[in-house]
């Protein structure tokens, strides 16, 4: 973690920094794992999958 390769999200949960990832991280996955119970709004899903032209800058609920 001191070298910046691994990022601690919370105790026992880590992710690789952008430089060392093979695939991009969908923000919903760690957000859902960090806070349970949680859900994602229909609006978030529509924007994420580009089904509506609007952009939404809020975080998943």
PDB file of N, CA and C in Angstrom:
ATOM      1  N   UNK A   1       0.810  -1.189   0.000  1.00  0.00           N
ATOM      2  CA  UNK A   1       0.000   0.000   0.000  1.00  0.00           C
ATOM      3  C   UNK A   1       0.854   1.254   0.000  1.00  0.00           C
ATOM      4  N   UNK A   2       2.025   1.189   0.570  1.00  0.00           N
ATOM      5  CA  UNK A   2       2.881   2.369   0.626  1.00  0.00           C
ATOM      6  C   UNK A   2       3.404   2.752  -0.753  1.00  0.00           C
ATOM      7  N   UNK A   3       3.533   1.765  -1.654  1.00  0.00           N
ATOM      8  CA  UNK A   3       4.023   2.042  -3.001  1.00  0.00           C
ATOM      9  C   UNK A   3       2.926   2.563  -3.916  1.00  0.00           C
ATOM     10  N   UNK A   4       1.674   2.529  -3.482  1.00  0.00           N
ATOM     11  CA  UNK A   4       0.572   3.042  -4.282  1.00  0.00           C
ATOM     12  C   UNK A   4      -0.034   2.033  -5.235  1.00  0.00           C
ATOM     13  N   UNK A   5       0.340   0.760  -5.133  1.00  0.00           N
ATOM     14  CA  UNK A   5      -0.218  -0.255  -6.024  1.00  0.00           C
ATOM     15  C   UNK A   5      -1.582  -0.733  -5.532  1.00  0.00           C
ATOM     16  N   UNK A   6      -1.749  -0.759  -4.221  1.00  0.00           N
ATOM     17  CA  UNK A   6      -2.983  -1.243  -3.614  1.00  0.00           C
ATOM     18  C   UNK A   6      -3.624  -0.096  -2.838  1.00  0.00           C
ATOM     19  N   UNK A   7      -4.938   0.041  -2.991  1.00  0.00           N
ATOM     20  CA  UNK A   7      -5.679   1.086  -2.297  1.00  0.00           C
ATOM     21  C   UNK A   7      -6.614   0.416  -1.295  1.00  0.00           C
ATOM     22  N   UNK A   8      -6.523   0.815  -0.049  1.00  0.00           N
ATOM     23  CA  UNK A   8      -7.404   0.282   0.979  1.00  0.00           C
ATOM     24  C   UNK A   8      -8.738   1.003   0.968  1.00  0.00           C
ATOM     25  N   UNK A   9      -9.818   0.255   0.819  1.00  0.00           N
ATOM     26  CA  UNK A   9     -11.148   0.854   0.839  1.00  0.00           C
ATOM     27  C   UNK A   9     -11.699   0.892   2.265  1.00  0.00           C
ATOM     28  N   UNK A  10     -11.513  -0.193   2.966  1.00  0.00           N
ATOM     29  CA  UNK A  10     -11.788  -0.291   4.398  1.00  0.00           C
ATOM     30  C   UNK A  10     -11.057  -1.523   4.891  1.00  0.00           C
ATOM     31  N   UNK A  11     -11.096  -1.805   6.176  1.00  0.00           N
ATOM     32  CA  UNK A  11     -10.335  -2.934   6.700  1.00  0.00           C
ATOM     33  C   UNK A  11     -10.772  -4.229   6.018  1.00  0.00           C
ATOM     34  N   UNK A  12      -9.813  -4.900   5.402  1.00  0.00           N
ATOM     35  CA  UNK A  12     -10.081  -6.169   4.730  1.00  0.00           C
ATOM     36  C   UNK A  12     -10.581  -6.044   3.301  1.00  0.00           C
ATOM     37  N   UNK A  13     -10.731  -4.832   2.771  1.00  0.00           N
ATOM     38  CA  UNK A  13     -11.217  -4.647   1.408  1.00  0.00           C
ATOM     39  C   UNK A  13     -10.262  -3.707   0.669  1.00  0.00           C
ATOM     40  N   UNK A  14      -9.720  -4.195  -0.434  1.00  0.00           N
ATOM     41  CA  UNK A  14      -8.697  -3.462  -1.182  1.00  0.00           C
ATOM     42  C   UNK A  14      -9.001  -3.499  -2.670  1.00  0.00           C
ATOM     43  N   UNK A  15      -8.379  -2.592  -3.397  1.00  0.00           N
ATOM     44  CA  UNK A  15      -8.440  -2.589  -4.854  1.00  0.00           C
ATOM     45  C   UNK A  15      -7.079  -2.154  -5.386  1.00  0.00           C
ATOM     46  N   UNK A  16      -6.813  -2.463  -6.624  1.00  0.00           N
ATOM     47  CA  UNK A  16      -5.560  -2.033  -7.254  1.00  0.00           C
ATOM     48  C   UNK A  16      -5.720  -0.619  -7.780  1.00  0.00           C
ATOM     49  N   UNK A  17      -4.625   0.119  -7.824  1.00  0.00           N
ATOM     50  CA  UNK A  17      -4.682   1.454  -8.401  1.00  0.00           C
ATOM     51  C   UNK A  17      -4.907   1.331  -9.907  1.00  0.00           C
ATOM     52  N   UNK A  18      -5.332   2.418 -10.518  1.00  0.00           N
ATOM     53  CA  UNK A  18      -5.689   2.417 -11.946  1.00  0.00           C
ATOM     54  C   UNK A  18      -4.568   1.863 -12.829  1.00  0.00           C
ATOM     55  N   UNK A  19      -3.325   2.158 -12.482  1.00  0.00           N
ATOM     56  CA  UNK A  19      -2.181   1.738 -13.278  1.00  0.00           C
ATOM     57  C   UNK A  19      -2.056   0.220 -13.366  1.00  0.00           C
ATOM     58  N   UNK A  20      -2.445  -0.480 -12.326  1.00  0.00           N
ATOM     59  CA  UNK A  20      -2.231  -1.923 -12.248  1.00  0.00           C
ATOM     60  C   UNK A  20      -3.484  -2.762 -12.533  1.00  0.00           C
ATOM     61  N   UNK A  21      -4.590  -2.132 -12.853  1.00  0.00           N
ATOM     62  CA  UNK A  21      -5.828  -2.872 -13.149  1.00  0.00           C
ATOM     63  C   UNK A  21      -5.825  -3.395 -14.575  1.00  0.00           C
ATOM     64  N   UNK A  22      -6.398  -4.577 -14.756  1.00  0.00           N
ATOM     65  CA  UNK A  22      -6.576  -5.121 -16.110  1.00  0.00           C
ATOM     66  C   UNK A  22      -7.899  -4.683 -16.699  1.00  0.00           C
ATOM     67  N   UNK A  23      -8.891  -4.502 -15.850  1.00  0.00           N
ATOM     68  CA  UNK A  23     -10.211  -4.043 -16.292  1.00  0.00           C
ATOM     69  C   UNK A  23     -10.635  -2.875 -15.407  1.00  0.00           C
ATOM     70  N   UNK A  24     -11.442  -1.975 -15.939  1.00  0.00           N
ATOM     71  CA  UNK A  24     -11.893  -0.845 -15.120  1.00  0.00           C
ATOM     72  C   UNK A  24     -12.877  -1.314 -14.038  1.00  0.00           C
ATOM     73  N   UNK A  25     -12.904  -0.591 -12.955  1.00  0.00           N
ATOM     74  CA  UNK A  25     -13.819  -0.901 -11.869  1.00  0.00           C
ATOM     75  C   UNK A  25     -15.104  -0.115 -12.077  1.00  0.00           C
ATOM     76  N   UNK A  26     -16.228  -0.806 -12.082  1.00  0.00           N
ATOM     77  CA  UNK A  26     -17.528  -0.145 -12.149  1.00  0.00           C
ATOM     78  C   UNK A  26     -17.799   0.397 -10.744  1.00  0.00           C
ATOM     79  N   UNK A  27     -18.030   1.690 -10.596  1.00  0.00           N
ATOM     80  CA  UNK A  27     -18.178   2.272  -9.258  1.00  0.00           C
ATOM     81  C   UNK A  27     -19.255   1.607  -8.403  1.00  0.00           C
ATOM     82  N   UNK A  28     -20.228   0.995  -9.021  1.00  0.00           N
ATOM     83  CA  UNK A  28     -21.313   0.364  -8.268  1.00  0.00           C
ATOM     84  C   UNK A  28     -20.835  -0.849  -7.479  1.00  0.00           C
ATOM     85  N   UNK A  29     -19.852  -1.559  -7.969  1.00  0.00           N
ATOM     86  CA  UNK A  29     -19.427  -2.786  -7.303  1.00  0.00           C
ATOM     87  C   UNK A  29     -18.791  -2.535  -5.937  1.00  0.00           C
ATOM     88  N   UNK A  30     -17.760  -1.710  -5.837  1.00  0.00           N
ATOM     89  CA  UNK A  30     -17.225  -1.469  -4.491  1.00  0.00           C
ATOM     90  C   UNK A  30     -18.209  -0.702  -3.609  1.00  0.00           C
ATOM     91  N   UNK A  31     -19.017   0.173  -4.192  1.00  0.00           N
ATOM     92  CA  UNK A  31     -19.993   0.921  -3.395  1.00  0.00           C
ATOM     93  C   UNK A  31     -20.990  -0.036  -2.757  1.00  0.00           C
ATOM     94  N   UNK A  32     -21.438  -1.011  -3.516  1.00  0.00           N
ATOM     95  CA  UNK A  32     -22.397  -1.990  -3.000  1.00  0.00           C
ATOM     96  C   UNK A  32     -21.740  -2.883  -1.952  1.00  0.00           C
ATOM     97  N   UNK A  33     -20.490  -3.207  -2.119  1.00  0.00           N
ATOM     98  CA  UNK A  33     -19.794  -4.055  -1.156  1.00  0.00           C
ATOM     99  C   UNK A  33     -19.450  -3.296   0.134  1.00  0.00           C
ATOM    100  N   UNK A  34     -19.212  -1.993   0.022  1.00  0.00           N
ATOM    101  CA  UNK A  34     -18.840  -1.200   1.189  1.00  0.00           C
ATOM    102  C   UNK A  34     -20.017  -0.896   2.111  1.00  0.00           C
ATOM    103  N   UNK A  35     -21.186  -0.718   1.544  1.00  0.00           N
ATOM    104  CA  UNK A  35     -22.331  -0.342   2.352  1.00  0.00           C
ATOM    105  C   UNK A  35     -23.501  -1.260   2.038  1.00  0.00           C
ATOM    106  N   UNK A  36     -23.842  -2.091   2.967  1.00  0.00           N
ATOM    107  CA  UNK A  36     -24.988  -2.983   2.815  1.00  0.00           C
ATOM    108  C   UNK A  36     -25.974  -2.697   3.919  1.00  0.00           C
ATOM    109  N   UNK A  37     -27.243  -2.790   3.750  1.00  0.00           N
ATOM    110  CA  UNK A  37     -27.926  -3.007   2.474  1.00  0.00           C
ATOM    111  C   UNK A  37     -27.891  -1.726   1.639  1.00  0.00           C
ATOM    112  N   UNK A  38     -27.794  -1.868   0.371  1.00  0.00           N
ATOM    113  CA  UNK A  38     -27.797  -0.719  -0.520  1.00  0.00           C
ATOM    114  C   UNK A  38     -28.528  -1.081  -1.803  1.00  0.00           C
ATOM    115  N   UNK A  39     -28.870  -0.093  -2.560  1.00  0.00           N
ATOM    116  CA  UNK A  39     -29.530  -0.323  -3.837  1.00  0.00           C
ATOM    117  C   UNK A  39     -29.107   0.785  -4.788  1.00  0.00           C
ATOM    118  N   UNK A  40     -29.311   0.555  -6.047  1.00  0.00           N
ATOM    119  CA  UNK A  40     -29.017   1.549  -7.063  1.00  0.00           C
ATOM    120  C   UNK A  40     -30.315   1.944  -7.726  1.00  0.00           C
ATOM    121  N   UNK A  41     -30.504   3.219  -7.885  1.00  0.00           N
ATOM    122  CA  UNK A  41     -31.760   3.716  -8.440  1.00  0.00           C
ATOM    123  C   UNK A  41     -31.874   3.355  -9.915  1.00  0.00           C
ATOM    124  N   UNK A  42     -33.079   3.376 -10.386  1.00  0.00           N
ATOM    125  CA  UNK A  42     -33.324   3.138 -11.801  1.00  0.00           C
ATOM    126  C   UNK A  42     -32.643   4.186 -12.661  1.00  0.00           C
ATOM    127  N   UNK A  43     -32.618   5.428 -12.182  1.00  0.00           N
ATOM    128  CA  UNK A  43     -31.954   6.502 -12.917  1.00  0.00           C
ATOM    129  C   UNK A  43     -30.463   6.214 -13.058  1.00  0.00           C
ATOM    130  N   UNK A  44     -29.823   5.742 -11.983  1.00  0.00           N
ATOM    131  CA  UNK A  44     -28.401   5.419 -12.046  1.00  0.00           C
ATOM    132  C   UNK A  44     -28.153   4.332 -13.100  1.00  0.00           C
ATOM    133  N   UNK A  45     -28.980   3.309 -13.110  1.00  0.00           N
ATOM    134  CA  UNK A  45     -28.807   2.217 -14.069  1.00  0.00           C
ATOM    135  C   UNK A  45     -28.998   2.702 -15.504  1.00  0.00           C
ATOM    136  N   UNK A  46     -30.000   3.528 -15.734  1.00  0.00           N
ATOM    137  CA  UNK A  46     -30.239   4.039 -17.089  1.00  0.00           C
ATOM    138  C   UNK A  46     -29.066   4.870 -17.591  1.00  0.00           C
ATOM    139  N   UNK A  47     -28.506   5.697 -16.726  1.00  0.00           N
ATOM    140  CA  UNK A  47     -27.354   6.516 -17.117  1.00  0.00           C
ATOM    141  C   UNK A  47     -26.121   5.642 -17.310  1.00  0.00           C
ATOM    142  N   UNK A  48     -25.910   4.688 -16.417  1.00  0.00           N
ATOM    143  CA  UNK A  48     -24.732   3.819 -16.505  1.00  0.00           C
ATOM    144  C   UNK A  48     -24.690   3.049 -17.815  1.00  0.00           C
ATOM    145  N   UNK A  49     -25.831   2.562 -18.268  1.00  0.00           N
ATOM    146  CA  UNK A  49     -25.893   1.782 -19.503  1.00  0.00           C
ATOM    147  C   UNK A  49     -26.233   2.637 -20.716  1.00  0.00           C
ATOM    148  N   UNK A  50     -26.117   3.957 -20.582  1.00  0.00           N
ATOM    149  CA  UNK A  50     -26.343   4.917 -21.672  1.00  0.00           C
ATOM    150  C   UNK A  50     -27.694   4.736 -22.346  1.00  0.00           C
ATOM    151  N   UNK A  51     -28.727   4.528 -21.553  1.00  0.00           N
ATOM    152  CA  UNK A  51     -30.067   4.378 -22.099  1.00  0.00           C
ATOM    153  C   UNK A  51     -30.827   5.703 -22.116  1.00  0.00           C
ATOM    154  N   UNK A  52     -30.292   6.712 -21.450  1.00  0.00           N
ATOM    155  CA  UNK A  52     -30.848   8.054 -21.517  1.00  0.00           C
ATOM    156  C   UNK A  52     -29.701   9.024 -21.749  1.00  0.00           C
ATOM    157  N   UNK A  53     -29.948  10.134 -22.449  1.00  0.00           N
ATOM    158  CA  UNK A  53     -28.852  11.042 -22.799  1.00  0.00           C
ATOM    159  C   UNK A  53     -28.357  11.911 -21.647  1.00  0.00           C
ATOM    160  N   UNK A  54     -29.121  12.040 -20.571  1.00  0.00           N
ATOM    161  CA  UNK A  54     -28.723  12.911 -19.483  1.00  0.00           C
ATOM    162  C   UNK A  54     -27.517  12.316 -18.741  1.00  0.00           C
ATOM    163  N   UNK A  55     -26.742  13.198 -18.172  1.00  0.00           N
ATOM    164  CA  UNK A  55     -25.629  12.783 -17.321  1.00  0.00           C
ATOM    165  C   UNK A  55     -26.011  13.115 -15.896  1.00  0.00           C
ATOM    166  N   UNK A  56     -25.696  12.205 -15.010  1.00  0.00           N
ATOM    167  CA  UNK A  56     -26.029  12.368 -13.602  1.00  0.00           C
ATOM    168  C   UNK A  56     -24.754  12.307 -12.812  1.00  0.00           C
ATOM    169  N   UNK A  57     -24.468  13.312 -12.001  1.00  0.00           N
ATOM    170  CA  UNK A  57     -23.193  13.376 -11.299  1.00  0.00           C
ATOM    171  C   UNK A  57     -23.299  12.903  -9.849  1.00  0.00           C
ATOM    172  N   UNK A  58     -24.463  12.400  -9.454  1.00  0.00           N
ATOM    173  CA  UNK A  58     -24.622  11.946  -8.082  1.00  0.00           C
ATOM    174  C   UNK A  58     -23.986  10.584  -7.857  1.00  0.00           C
ATOM    175  N   UNK A  59     -23.787  10.241  -6.614  1.00  0.00           N
ATOM    176  CA  UNK A  59     -23.234   8.931  -6.292  1.00  0.00           C
ATOM    177  C   UNK A  59     -24.387   7.951  -6.076  1.00  0.00           C
ATOM    178  N   UNK A  60     -24.116   6.639  -6.237  1.00  0.00           N
ATOM    179  CA  UNK A  60     -25.181   5.662  -6.025  1.00  0.00           C
ATOM    180  C   UNK A  60     -25.685   5.710  -4.592  1.00  0.00           C
ATOM    181  N   UNK A  61     -26.969   5.505  -4.439  1.00  0.00           N
ATOM    182  CA  UNK A  61     -27.560   5.570  -3.093  1.00  0.00           C
ATOM    183  C   UNK A  61     -27.472   4.227  -2.401  1.00  0.00           C
TER     184      UNK A  61
END
